C-alpha cells in the first residue's frame, strides 16, 4: 500500500511538472511570434498580446500550485493580489507609493480606477521572483532566524521584480496603457517614468513576500516550497527580459534596455550563486524560506 501511494505521488508530481513545462513552452512560442512581429515591424492583432499575458498568468499559477501546493498557492495569489490592488487604488488617488498616474481603457474593465487584471500582474512577477530566489536558496546562508531569512528573501525577490519593471514600465507607458503625471519626490525620471515608481515597486513587492512568508510558512521543517521547479521560473524570467529588450529596442529606449538587462541579469546571478550553504533550519522555530 505504501509503495502504491508513493508511486501515485510520483505520477502526480510528474503530471504537474509536465503541465508547467507545457504552459512555459506555449508562452515561449507566443513570445517568439511577437518578437518576430516586432523585429520585422509586421501588423498583428492585439489579441496575441492578451494571449501572451494570459499564458504567463496560467504558467505562474501552475508553477505556484506545483511548488507550494494548492492551499498555499491560492493564499499567495490572494495576498499578493489584494496588497497590489490596495496599493494601486492608493497610487491612482494620491500618487503614493509610485507617483501620480492613471490608467487608460486599454487594460479593460476597472474597479476603483484600477483595471481588474492589474492585481494579477503583481502575483505573477512577485511569485516568479520568489520562486527563483527560494529555488536556489538551498545553497545559501540567509541568517539564523526566521525573520532574518524572510526579510532577505523578500528584499532579493523585490529586486528581481523591480528589475523587470525597469523594462516594462517605459514600454507600456509608451503604448498608452497608463499615463504618468508626476511624482511625490523631486527625483530624476527614467524615460518619463518617475523614480518613485521603482522605489514603490521595491517596497511593495518586499512587503508582499514578507507577508506571504510570515503567514504561510510552517514553524519548522523544510519551508514553504514543497517541490522545487525554479529552473522554469528562471526561463520565464529570461523570456520576459528578451521581450523587454526587443520591445524597448523598437521604441528606441536604449537606456532602458541597458538598465533593465544589467539589473535582471544581476538578479539571476545573485539568486543562483549567493552564498554556498544550505539554509534549512530544523525544528527550532526557524525555517528555510
Foldseek 3Di string as FASTA:
>chain_A
DVVVVVVVVVVVLVVLVVVLVVLLVVLLVLLVVVLVCLVVVHDDDCVSVVVNVVSLLVSLLSQCCSWFNDVLSVVLLVLQLVLQVVQVLCCCVPVPQFGHKAFDCPLDDDDSRHRPCVSSVSSSLLSLLLLLLQLQQQFAAQDDAQLSQQLVSLQLSLLLSLLLVLLVVLLVVVVRRMDGDGHDDPDDAQNRGDPSNSVRSSVSSSVSSSVSQVPQWDQFDATRTDDRDSVSSLVVSVSSLVSSLSSVVSVVSVVSNVSSVVSNVVSSCCSNPHHGHGHADGNPSHGHD
